[in-house]
Amino acid sequence: ILIASRLHDELELHTGKTKTLPESEKYTLKLNEALVE
């Protein structure tokens, strides 16, 4: 649930952008001791 909520927030940031993304954007964050890509 925590990761899904964070993914939603991140997706909202990306959908608000006017510029297009690169082919694929990837990054890793640490949420509650779990590395999430």
Full PDB file with SEQRES, HELIX, SHEET, SSBOND, CRYST1, ORIGX, SCALE, CONECT and MASTER records, all heavy atoms in Angstrom:
SEQRES   1 A   37  ILE LEU ILE ALA SER ARG LEU HIS ASP GLU LEU GLU LEU          
SEQRES   2 A   37  HIS THR GLY LYS THR LYS THR LEU PRO GLU SER GLU LYS          
SEQRES   3 A   37  TYR THR LEU LYS LEU ASN GLU ALA LEU VAL GLU                  
HELIX    1 AA1 LEU A    2  THR A   15  1                                  14    
SHEET    1 AA1 2 LEU A  29  LEU A  31  0                                        
SHEET    2 AA1 2 ALA A  34  VAL A  36 -1                                        
CRYST1    1.000    1.000    1.000  90.00  90.00  90.00 P 1           1          
ORIGX1      1.000000  0.000000  0.000000        0.00000                         
ORIGX2      0.000000  1.000000  0.000000        0.00000                         
ORIGX3      0.000000  0.000000  1.000000        0.00000                         
SCALE1      1.000000  0.000000  0.000000        0.00000                         
SCALE2      0.000000  1.000000  0.000000        0.00000                         
SCALE3      0.000000  0.000000  1.000000        0.00000                         
ATOM      1  N   ILE A   1       0.835  -1.201   0.000  1.00  0.00           N  
ATOM      2  CA  ILE A   1       0.000   0.000   0.000  1.00  0.00           C  
ATOM      3  C   ILE A   1       0.872   1.253   0.000  1.00  0.00           C  
ATOM      4  O   ILE A   1       0.606   2.213  -0.731  1.00  0.00           O  
ATOM      5  CB  ILE A   1      -0.966  -0.014   1.196  1.00  0.00           C  
ATOM      6  CG1 ILE A   1      -2.027  -1.089   1.007  1.00  0.00           C  
ATOM      7  CG2 ILE A   1      -1.607   1.345   1.406  1.00  0.00           C  
ATOM      8  CD1 ILE A   1      -2.862  -1.360   2.237  1.00  0.00           C  
ATOM      9  N   LEU A   2       1.931   1.265   0.808  1.00  0.00           N  
ATOM     10  CA  LEU A   2       2.844   2.402   0.857  1.00  0.00           C  
ATOM     11  C   LEU A   2       3.506   2.624  -0.497  1.00  0.00           C  
ATOM     12  O   LEU A   2       3.577   3.752  -1.000  1.00  0.00           O  
ATOM     13  CB  LEU A   2       3.902   2.185   1.936  1.00  0.00           C  
ATOM     14  CG  LEU A   2       5.019   3.226   1.999  1.00  0.00           C  
ATOM     15  CD1 LEU A   2       4.482   4.533   2.567  1.00  0.00           C  
ATOM     16  CD2 LEU A   2       6.171   2.712   2.828  1.00  0.00           C  
ATOM     17  N   ILE A   3       3.969   1.547  -1.120  1.00  0.00           N  
ATOM     18  CA  ILE A   3       4.651   1.658  -2.408  1.00  0.00           C  
ATOM     19  C   ILE A   3       3.672   2.086  -3.502  1.00  0.00           C  
ATOM     20  O   ILE A   3       4.003   2.922  -4.341  1.00  0.00           O  
ATOM     21  CB  ILE A   3       5.365   0.332  -2.752  1.00  0.00           C  
ATOM     22  CG1 ILE A   3       6.533   0.125  -1.778  1.00  0.00           C  
ATOM     23  CG2 ILE A   3       5.844   0.309  -4.189  1.00  0.00           C  
ATOM     24  CD1 ILE A   3       7.175  -1.227  -1.832  1.00  0.00           C  
ATOM     25  N   ALA A   4       2.464   1.556  -3.485  1.00  0.00           N  
ATOM     26  CA  ALA A   4       1.457   1.940  -4.474  1.00  0.00           C  
ATOM     27  C   ALA A   4       1.109   3.423  -4.340  1.00  0.00           C  
ATOM     28  O   ALA A   4       0.938   4.125  -5.345  1.00  0.00           O  
ATOM     29  CB  ALA A   4       0.209   1.082  -4.323  1.00  0.00           C  
ATOM     30  N   SER A   5       1.023   3.893  -3.111  1.00  0.00           N  
ATOM     31  CA  SER A   5       0.730   5.304  -2.878  1.00  0.00           C  
ATOM     32  C   SER A   5       1.867   6.188  -3.400  1.00  0.00           C  
ATOM     33  O   SER A   5       1.626   7.213  -4.047  1.00  0.00           O  
ATOM     34  CB  SER A   5       0.509   5.549  -1.383  1.00  0.00           C  
ATOM     35  OG  SER A   5       0.326   6.911  -1.128  1.00  0.00           O  
ATOM     36  N   ARG A   6       3.093   5.778  -3.135  1.00  0.00           N  
ATOM     37  CA  ARG A   6       4.255   6.549  -3.615  1.00  0.00           C  
ATOM     38  C   ARG A   6       4.329   6.512  -5.141  1.00  0.00           C  
ATOM     39  O   ARG A   6       4.618   7.529  -5.784  1.00  0.00           O  
ATOM     40  CB  ARG A   6       5.544   6.001  -2.990  1.00  0.00           C  
ATOM     41  CG  ARG A   6       6.793   6.747  -3.379  1.00  0.00           C  
ATOM     42  CD  ARG A   6       6.720   8.205  -2.902  1.00  0.00           C  
ATOM     43  NE  ARG A   6       7.861   8.956  -3.315  1.00  0.00           N  
ATOM     44  CZ  ARG A   6       8.898   9.241  -2.522  1.00  0.00           C  
ATOM     45  NH1 ARG A   6       8.910   8.850  -1.273  1.00  0.00           N  
ATOM     46  NH2 ARG A   6       9.913   9.916  -2.983  1.00  0.00           N  
ATOM     47  N   LEU A   7       4.028   5.357  -5.743  1.00  0.00           N  
ATOM     48  CA  LEU A   7       4.020   5.253  -7.201  1.00  0.00           C  
ATOM     49  C   LEU A   7       2.957   6.187  -7.781  1.00  0.00           C  
ATOM     50  O   LEU A   7       3.195   6.861  -8.782  1.00  0.00           O  
ATOM     51  CB  LEU A   7       3.758   3.809  -7.637  1.00  0.00           C  
ATOM     52  CG  LEU A   7       3.644   3.579  -9.142  1.00  0.00           C  
ATOM     53  CD1 LEU A   7       4.943   3.945  -9.852  1.00  0.00           C  
ATOM     54  CD2 LEU A   7       3.267   2.138  -9.432  1.00  0.00           C  
ATOM     55  N   HIS A   8       1.811   6.258  -7.153  1.00  0.00           N  
ATOM     56  CA  HIS A   8       0.756   7.170  -7.602  1.00  0.00           C  
ATOM     57  C   HIS A   8       1.240   8.609  -7.570  1.00  0.00           C  
ATOM     58  O   HIS A   8       1.038   9.375  -8.524  1.00  0.00           O  
ATOM     59  CB  HIS A   8      -0.485   6.999  -6.729  1.00  0.00           C  
ATOM     60  CG  HIS A   8      -1.570   7.971  -7.042  1.00  0.00           C  
ATOM     61  ND1 HIS A   8      -1.692   9.172  -6.376  1.00  0.00           N  
ATOM     62  CD2 HIS A   8      -2.555   7.932  -7.968  1.00  0.00           C  
ATOM     63  CE1 HIS A   8      -2.724   9.820  -6.875  1.00  0.00           C  
ATOM     64  NE2 HIS A   8      -3.271   9.102  -7.832  1.00  0.00           N  
ATOM     65  N   ASP A   9       1.885   8.994  -6.467  1.00  0.00           N  
ATOM     66  CA  ASP A   9       2.398  10.362  -6.339  1.00  0.00           C  
ATOM     67  C   ASP A   9       3.446  10.660  -7.415  1.00  0.00           C  
ATOM     68  O   ASP A   9       3.440  11.736  -8.024  1.00  0.00           O  
ATOM     69  CB  ASP A   9       2.989  10.589  -4.957  1.00  0.00           C  
ATOM     70  CG  ASP A   9       1.943  10.534  -3.851  1.00  0.00           C  
ATOM     71  OD1 ASP A   9       0.735  10.605  -4.172  1.00  0.00           O  
ATOM     72  OD2 ASP A   9       2.338  10.399  -2.671  1.00  0.00           O  
ATOM     73  N   GLU A  10       4.344   9.713  -7.648  1.00  0.00           N  
ATOM     74  CA  GLU A  10       5.383   9.890  -8.668  1.00  0.00           C  
ATOM     75  C   GLU A  10       4.764   9.974 -10.057  1.00  0.00           C  
ATOM     76  O   GLU A  10       5.190  10.777 -10.891  1.00  0.00           O  
ATOM     77  CB  GLU A  10       6.402   8.735  -8.610  1.00  0.00           C  
ATOM     78  CG  GLU A  10       7.196   8.661  -7.323  1.00  0.00           C  
ATOM     79  CD  GLU A  10       8.214   9.779  -7.180  1.00  0.00           C  
ATOM     80  OE1 GLU A  10       8.786  10.215  -8.200  1.00  0.00           O  
ATOM     81  OE2 GLU A  10       8.446  10.220  -6.048  1.00  0.00           O  
ATOM     82  N   LEU A  11       3.754   9.165 -10.307  1.00  0.00           N  
ATOM     83  CA  LEU A  11       3.087   9.180 -11.609  1.00  0.00           C  
ATOM     84  C   LEU A  11       2.367  10.508 -11.831  1.00  0.00           C  
ATOM     85  O   LEU A  11       2.365  11.051 -12.937  1.00  0.00           O  
ATOM     86  CB  LEU A  11       2.110   8.008 -11.716  1.00  0.00           C  
ATOM     87  CG  LEU A  11       1.512   7.744 -13.090  1.00  0.00           C  
ATOM     88  CD1 LEU A  11       2.594   7.341 -14.081  1.00  0.00           C  
ATOM     89  CD2 LEU A  11       0.465   6.651 -13.004  1.00  0.00           C  
ATOM     90  N   GLU A  12       1.791  11.053 -10.777  1.00  0.00           N  
ATOM     91  CA  GLU A  12       1.141  12.362 -10.871  1.00  0.00           C  
ATOM     92  C   GLU A  12       2.155  13.434 -11.260  1.00  0.00           C  
ATOM     93  O   GLU A  12       1.844  14.335 -12.043  1.00  0.00           O  
ATOM     94  CB  GLU A  12       0.486  12.736  -9.536  1.00  0.00           C  
ATOM     95  CG  GLU A  12      -0.807  12.031  -9.267  1.00  0.00           C  
ATOM     96  CD  GLU A  12      -1.927  12.527 -10.166  1.00  0.00           C  
ATOM     97  OE1 GLU A  12      -2.045  13.748 -10.371  1.00  0.00           O  
ATOM     98  OE2 GLU A  12      -2.673  11.667 -10.658  1.00  0.00           O  
ATOM     99  N   LEU A  13       3.358  13.358 -10.713  1.00  0.00           N  
ATOM    100  CA  LEU A  13       4.396  14.315 -11.080  1.00  0.00           C  
ATOM    101  C   LEU A  13       4.760  14.192 -12.552  1.00  0.00           C  
ATOM    102  O   LEU A  13       4.985  15.198 -13.239  1.00  0.00           O  
ATOM    103  CB  LEU A  13       5.646  14.108 -10.219  1.00  0.00           C  
ATOM    104  CG  LEU A  13       5.523  14.440  -8.736  1.00  0.00           C  
ATOM    105  CD1 LEU A  13       6.802  14.046  -8.006  1.00  0.00           C  
ATOM    106  CD2 LEU A  13       5.238  15.918  -8.542  1.00  0.00           C  
ATOM    107  N   HIS A  14       4.821  12.944 -13.047  1.00  0.00           N  
ATOM    108  CA  HIS A  14       5.198  12.732 -14.443  1.00  0.00           C  
ATOM    109  C   HIS A  14       4.075  13.108 -15.404  1.00  0.00           C  
ATOM    110  O   HIS A  14       4.346  13.552 -16.514  1.00  0.00           O  
ATOM    111  CB  HIS A  14       5.619  11.278 -14.670  1.00  0.00           C  
ATOM    112  CG  HIS A  14       6.978  10.966 -14.152  1.00  0.00           C  
ATOM    113  ND1 HIS A  14       7.218  10.700 -12.828  1.00  0.00           N  
ATOM    114  CD2 HIS A  14       8.179  10.914 -14.758  1.00  0.00           C  
ATOM    115  CE1 HIS A  14       8.506  10.480 -12.649  1.00  0.00           C  
ATOM    116  NE2 HIS A  14       9.111  10.604 -13.800  1.00  0.00           N  
ATOM    117  N   THR A  15       2.838  12.947 -15.027  1.00  0.00           N  
ATOM    118  CA  THR A  15       1.740  13.297 -15.936  1.00  0.00           C  
ATOM    119  C   THR A  15       1.544  14.802 -16.006  1.00  0.00           C  
ATOM    120  O   THR A  15       0.963  15.299 -16.957  1.00  0.00           O  
ATOM    121  CB  THR A  15       0.410  12.643 -15.519  1.00  0.00           C  
ATOM    122  OG1 THR A  15       0.111  12.993 -14.166  1.00  0.00           O  
ATOM    123  CG2 THR A  15       0.466  11.149 -15.652  1.00  0.00           C  
ATOM    124  N   GLY A  16       2.039  15.526 -15.036  1.00  0.00           N  
ATOM    125  CA  GLY A  16       1.918  16.978 -15.041  1.00  0.00           C  
ATOM    126  C   GLY A  16       2.981  17.653 -15.887  1.00  0.00           C  
ATOM    127  O   GLY A  16       2.908  18.844 -16.158  1.00  0.00           O  
ATOM    128  N   LYS A  17       3.984  16.910 -16.326  1.00  0.00           N  
ATOM    129  CA  LYS A  17       5.069  17.490 -17.125  1.00  0.00           C  
ATOM    130  C   LYS A  17       4.577  17.805 -18.535  1.00  0.00           C  
ATOM    131  O   LYS A  17       3.799  17.061 -19.118  1.00  0.00           O  
ATOM    132  CB  LYS A  17       6.249  16.511 -17.215  1.00  0.00           C  
ATOM    133  CG  LYS A  17       6.994  16.333 -15.909  1.00  0.00           C  
ATOM    134  CD  LYS A  17       8.151  15.402 -16.107  1.00  0.00           C  
ATOM    135  CE  LYS A  17       8.935  15.248 -14.809  1.00  0.00           C  
ATOM    136  NZ  LYS A  17      10.033  14.300 -14.959  1.00  0.00           N  
ATOM    137  N   THR A  18       5.057  18.923 -19.066  1.00  0.00           N  
ATOM    138  CA  THR A  18       4.706  19.266 -20.436  1.00  0.00           C  
ATOM    139  C   THR A  18       5.721  18.689 -21.417  1.00  0.00           C  
ATOM    140  O   THR A  18       5.407  18.436 -22.555  1.00  0.00           O  
ATOM    141  CB  THR A  18       4.647  20.796 -20.611  1.00  0.00           C  
ATOM    142  OG1 THR A  18       5.878  21.350 -20.166  1.00  0.00           O  
ATOM    143  CG2 THR A  18       3.499  21.366 -19.811  1.00  0.00           C  
ATOM    144  N   LYS A  19       6.932  18.473 -20.947  1.00  0.00           N  
ATOM    145  CA  LYS A  19       7.931  17.880 -21.827  1.00  0.00           C  
ATOM    146  C   LYS A  19       7.767  16.361 -21.809  1.00  0.00           C  
ATOM    147  O   LYS A  19       7.227  15.775 -20.873  1.00  0.00           O  
ATOM    148  CB  LYS A  19       9.355  18.251 -21.389  1.00  0.00           C  
ATOM    149  CG  LYS A  19       9.770  17.679 -20.047  1.00  0.00           C  
ATOM    150  CD  LYS A  19      11.194  18.093 -19.736  1.00  0.00           C  
ATOM    151  CE  LYS A  19      11.644  17.504 -18.411  1.00  0.00           C  
ATOM    152  NZ  LYS A  19      12.201  16.208 -18.504  1.00  0.00           N  
ATOM    153  N   THR A  20       8.231  15.746 -22.876  1.00  0.00           N  
ATOM    154  CA  THR A  20       8.121  14.291 -22.958  1.00  0.00           C  
ATOM    155  C   THR A  20       9.275  13.654 -22.185  1.00  0.00           C  
ATOM    156  O   THR A  20      10.350  14.233 -22.029  1.00  0.00           O  
ATOM    157  CB  THR A  20       8.170  13.821 -24.426  1.00  0.00           C  
ATOM    158  OG1 THR A  20       9.384  14.272 -25.000  1.00  0.00           O  
ATOM    159  CG2 THR A  20       6.982  14.350 -25.201  1.00  0.00           C  
ATOM    160  N   LEU A  21       9.015  12.460 -21.732  1.00  0.00           N  
ATOM    161  CA  LEU A  21      10.042  11.709 -20.999  1.00  0.00           C  
ATOM    162  C   LEU A  21      11.041  11.112 -21.977  1.00  0.00           C  
ATOM    163  O   LEU A  21      10.736  10.940 -23.152  1.00  0.00           O  
ATOM    164  CB  LEU A  21       9.390  10.552 -20.233  1.00  0.00           C  
ATOM    165  CG  LEU A  21       8.564  10.882 -19.007  1.00  0.00           C  
ATOM    166  CD1 LEU A  21       7.859   9.621 -18.528  1.00  0.00           C  
ATOM    167  CD2 LEU A  21       9.431  11.419 -17.910  1.00  0.00           C  
ATOM    168  N   PRO A  22      12.220  10.762 -21.484  1.00  0.00           N  
ATOM    169  CA  PRO A  22      13.091   9.954 -22.321  1.00  0.00           C  
ATOM    170  C   PRO A  22      12.400   8.612 -22.604  1.00  0.00           C  
ATOM    171  O   PRO A  22      11.332   8.336 -22.076  1.00  0.00           O  
ATOM    172  CB  PRO A  22      14.345   9.748 -21.459  1.00  0.00           C  
ATOM    173  CG  PRO A  22      14.181  10.583 -20.251  1.00  0.00           C  
ATOM    174  CD  PRO A  22      12.789  11.071 -20.203  1.00  0.00           C  
ATOM    175  N   GLU A  23      13.001   7.803 -23.432  1.00  0.00           N  
ATOM    176  CA  GLU A  23      12.415   6.497 -23.773  1.00  0.00           C  
ATOM    177  C   GLU A  23      11.932   5.756 -22.524  1.00  0.00           C  
ATOM    178  O   GLU A  23      10.860   5.204 -22.493  1.00  0.00           O  
ATOM    179  CB  GLU A  23      13.465   5.649 -24.514  1.00  0.00           C  
ATOM    180  CG  GLU A  23      12.964   4.293 -24.963  1.00  0.00           C  
ATOM    181  CD  GLU A  23      12.016   4.401 -26.128  1.00  0.00           C  
ATOM    182  OE1 GLU A  23      12.098   5.375 -26.884  1.00  0.00           O  
ATOM    183  OE2 GLU A  23      11.187   3.507 -26.272  1.00  0.00           O  
ATOM    184  N   SER A  24      12.743   5.774 -21.505  1.00  0.00           N  
ATOM    185  CA  SER A  24      12.363   5.136 -20.246  1.00  0.00           C  
ATOM    186  C   SER A  24      13.124   5.831 -19.122  1.00  0.00           C  
ATOM    187  O   SER A  24      14.309   6.105 -19.248  1.00  0.00           O  
ATOM    188  CB  SER A  24      12.719   3.650 -20.290  1.00  0.00           C  
ATOM    189  OG  SER A  24      12.401   3.039 -19.078  1.00  0.00           O  
ATOM    190  N   GLU A  25      12.434   6.129 -18.040  1.00  0.00           N  
ATOM    191  CA  GLU A  25      13.070   6.753 -16.888  1.00  0.00           C  
ATOM    192  C   GLU A  25      13.048   5.745 -15.744  1.00  0.00           C  
ATOM    193  O   GLU A  25      12.021   5.102 -15.498  1.00  0.00           O  
ATOM    194  CB  GLU A  25      12.323   8.024 -16.497  1.00  0.00           C  
ATOM    195  CG  GLU A  25      13.002   8.783 -15.386  1.00  0.00           C  
ATOM    196  CD  GLU A  25      12.283  10.082 -15.065  1.00  0.00           C  
ATOM    197  OE1 GLU A  25      11.478  10.544 -15.866  1.00  0.00           O  
ATOM    198  OE2 GLU A  25      12.545  10.610 -13.977  1.00  0.00           O  
ATOM    199  N   LYS A  26      14.169   5.618 -15.055  1.00  0.00           N  
ATOM    200  CA  LYS A  26      14.276   4.613 -13.984  1.00  0.00           C  
ATOM    201  C   LYS A  26      15.089   5.184 -12.839  1.00  0.00           C  
ATOM    202  O   LYS A  26      16.115   5.825 -13.051  1.00  0.00           O  
ATOM    203  CB  LYS A  26      14.972   3.374 -14.540  1.00  0.00           C  
ATOM    204  CG  LYS A  26      15.150   2.244 -13.544  1.00  0.00           C  
ATOM    205  CD  LYS A  26      16.033   1.127 -14.091  1.00  0.00           C  
ATOM    206  CE  LYS A  26      15.323   0.364 -15.178  1.00  0.00           C  
ATOM    207  NZ  LYS A  26      16.073  -0.839 -15.590  1.00  0.00           N  
ATOM    208  N   TYR A  27      14.595   4.968 -11.616  1.00  0.00           N  
ATOM    209  CA  TYR A  27      15.367   5.354 -10.434  1.00  0.00           C  
ATOM    210  C   TYR A  27      14.934   4.490  -9.253  1.00  0.00           C  
ATOM    211  O   TYR A  27      13.886   3.850  -9.276  1.00  0.00           O  
ATOM    212  CB  TYR A  27      15.241   6.852 -10.116  1.00  0.00           C  
ATOM    213  CG  TYR A  27      13.835   7.374 -10.006  1.00  0.00           C  
ATOM    214  CD1 TYR A  27      13.158   7.355  -8.794  1.00  0.00           C  
ATOM    215  CD2 TYR A  27      13.189   7.897 -11.117  1.00  0.00           C  
ATOM    216  CE1 TYR A  27      11.870   7.848  -8.697  1.00  0.00           C  
ATOM    217  CE2 TYR A  27      11.911   8.397 -11.030  1.00  0.00           C  
ATOM    218  CZ  TYR A  27      11.249   8.370  -9.817  1.00  0.00           C  
ATOM    219  OH  TYR A  27       9.987   8.851  -9.734  1.00  0.00           O  
ATOM    220  N   THR A  28      15.752   4.478  -8.201  1.00  0.00           N  
ATOM    221  CA  THR A  28      15.518   3.632  -7.030  1.00  0.00           C  
ATOM    222  C   THR A  28      15.391   4.504  -5.788  1.00  0.00           C  
ATOM    223  O   THR A  28      16.170   5.436  -5.594  1.00  0.00           O  
ATOM    224  CB  THR A  28      16.676   2.631  -6.837  1.00  0.00           C  
ATOM    225  OG1 THR A  28      16.819   1.863  -8.035  1.00  0.00           O  
ATOM    226  CG2 THR A  28      16.417   1.689  -5.678  1.00  0.00           C  
ATOM    227  N   LEU A  29      14.395   4.191  -4.973  1.00  0.00           N  
ATOM    228  CA  LEU A  29      14.191   4.869  -3.699  1.00  0.00           C  
ATOM    229  C   LEU A  29      14.103   3.825  -2.587  1.00  0.00           C  
ATOM    230  O   LEU A  29      13.725   2.680  -2.830  1.00  0.00           O  
ATOM    231  CB  LEU A  29      12.896   5.687  -3.703  1.00  0.00           C  
ATOM    232  CG  LEU A  29      12.794   6.849  -4.682  1.00  0.00           C  
ATOM    233  CD1 LEU A  29      11.398   7.441  -4.630  1.00  0.00           C  
ATOM    234  CD2 LEU A  29      13.829   7.900  -4.352  1.00  0.00           C  
ATOM    235  N   LYS A  30      14.444   4.257  -1.368  1.00  0.00           N  
ATOM    236  CA  LYS A  30      14.336   3.369  -0.214  1.00  0.00           C  
ATOM    237  C   LYS A  30      13.092   3.753   0.579  1.00  0.00           C  
ATOM    238  O   LYS A  30      12.977   4.873   1.062  1.00  0.00           O  
ATOM    239  CB  LYS A  30      15.578   3.470   0.661  1.00  0.00           C  
ATOM    240  CG  LYS A  30      15.662   2.429   1.742  1.00  0.00           C  
ATOM    241  CD  LYS A  30      17.004   2.484   2.456  1.00  0.00           C  
ATOM    242  CE  LYS A  30      17.127   1.341   3.422  1.00  0.00           C  
ATOM    243  NZ  LYS A  30      18.434   1.311   4.058  1.00  0.00           N  
ATOM    244  N   LEU A  31      12.141   2.819   0.674  1.00  0.00           N  
ATOM    245  CA  LEU A  31      10.903   3.043   1.418  1.00  0.00           C  
ATOM    246  C   LEU A  31      10.766   1.962   2.483  1.00  0.00           C  
ATOM    247  O   LEU A  31      10.639   0.789   2.160  1.00  0.00           O  
ATOM    248  CB  LEU A  31       9.685   2.988   0.487  1.00  0.00           C  
ATOM    249  CG  LEU A  31       9.619   4.018  -0.625  1.00  0.00           C  
ATOM    250  CD1 LEU A  31       8.437   3.733  -1.524  1.00  0.00           C  
ATOM    251  CD2 LEU A  31       9.509   5.403  -0.042  1.00  0.00           C  
ATOM    252  N   ASN A  32      10.788   2.359   3.742  1.00  0.00           N  
ATOM    253  CA  ASN A  32      10.660   1.401   4.862  1.00  0.00           C  
ATOM    254  C   ASN A  32      11.593   0.211   4.713  1.00  0.00           C  
ATOM    255  O   ASN A  32      11.166  -0.935   4.729  1.00  0.00           O  
ATOM    256  CB  ASN A  32       9.218   0.924   4.999  1.00  0.00           C  
ATOM    257  CG  ASN A  32       8.368   1.932   5.719  1.00  0.00           C  
ATOM    258  OD1 ASN A  32       8.820   3.015   6.049  1.00  0.00           O  
ATOM    259  ND2 ASN A  32       7.133   1.579   5.965  1.00  0.00           N  
ATOM    260  N   GLU A  33      12.846   0.478   4.545  1.00  0.00           N  
ATOM    261  CA  GLU A  33      13.888  -0.543   4.466  1.00  0.00           C  
ATOM    262  C   GLU A  33      13.811  -1.414   3.209  1.00  0.00           C  
ATOM    263  O   GLU A  33      14.505  -2.411   3.108  1.00  0.00           O  
ATOM    264  CB  GLU A  33      13.879  -1.458   5.710  1.00  0.00           C  
ATOM    265  CG  GLU A  33      14.032  -0.724   7.032  1.00  0.00           C  
ATOM    266  CD  GLU A  33      15.309   0.088   7.115  1.00  0.00           C  
ATOM    267  OE1 GLU A  33      16.358  -0.374   6.667  1.00  0.00           O  
ATOM    268  OE2 GLU A  33      15.230   1.214   7.634  1.00  0.00           O  
ATOM    269  N   ALA A  34      12.982  -1.063   2.247  1.00  0.00           N  
ATOM    270  CA  ALA A  34      12.894  -1.807   0.994  1.00  0.00           C  
ATOM    271  C   ALA A  34      13.387  -0.924  -0.138  1.00  0.00           C  
ATOM    272  O   ALA A  34      12.994   0.242  -0.234  1.00  0.00           O  
ATOM    273  CB  ALA A  34      11.463  -2.259   0.732  1.00  0.00           C  
ATOM    274  N   LEU A  35      14.243  -1.462  -0.986  1.00  0.00           N  
ATOM    275  CA  LEU A  35      14.693  -0.730  -2.157  1.00  0.00           C  
ATOM    276  C   LEU A  35      13.658  -0.936  -3.253  1.00  0.00           C  
ATOM    277  O   LEU A  35      13.379  -2.065  -3.653  1.00  0.00           O  
ATOM    278  CB  LEU A  35      16.062  -1.226  -2.619  1.00  0.00           C  
ATOM    279  CG  LEU A  35      17.233  -0.845  -1.720  1.00  0.00           C  
ATOM    280  CD1 LEU A  35      18.515  -1.489  -2.218  1.00  0.00           C  
ATOM    281  CD2 LEU A  35      17.391   0.663  -1.665  1.00  0.00           C  
ATOM    282  N   VAL A  36      13.089   0.161  -3.718  1.00  0.00           N  
ATOM    283  CA  VAL A  36      12.026   0.107  -4.715  1.00  0.00           C  
ATOM    284  C   VAL A  36      12.516   0.778  -5.992  1.00  0.00           C  
ATOM    285  O   VAL A  36      12.975   1.921  -5.965  1.00  0.00           O  
ATOM    286  CB  VAL A  36      10.750   0.812  -4.210  1.00  0.00           C  
ATOM    287  CG1 VAL A  36       9.621   0.654  -5.213  1.00  0.00           C  
ATOM    288  CG2 VAL A  36      10.343   0.275  -2.851  1.00  0.00           C  
ATOM    289  N   GLU A  37      12.430   0.050  -7.086  1.00  0.00           N  
ATOM    290  CA  GLU A  37      12.837   0.589  -8.382  1.00  0.00           C  
ATOM    291  C   GLU A  37      11.597   1.093  -9.112  1.00  0.00           C  
ATOM    292  O   GLU A  37      10.662   0.330  -9.351  1.00  0.00           O  
ATOM    293  CB  GLU A  37      13.521  -0.498  -9.208  1.00  0.00           C  
ATOM    294  CG  GLU A  37      14.006  -0.014 -10.554  1.00  0.00           C  
ATOM    295  CD  GLU A  37      14.676  -1.130 -11.326  1.00  0.00           C  
ATOM    296  OE1 GLU A  37      15.781  -1.540 -10.909  1.00  0.00           O  
ATOM    297  OE2 GLU A  37      14.084  -1.589 -12.315  1.00  0.00           O  
TER     298      GLU A  37                                                      
MASTER        0    0    0    1    2    0    0    6  297    1    0    3          
END                                                                             
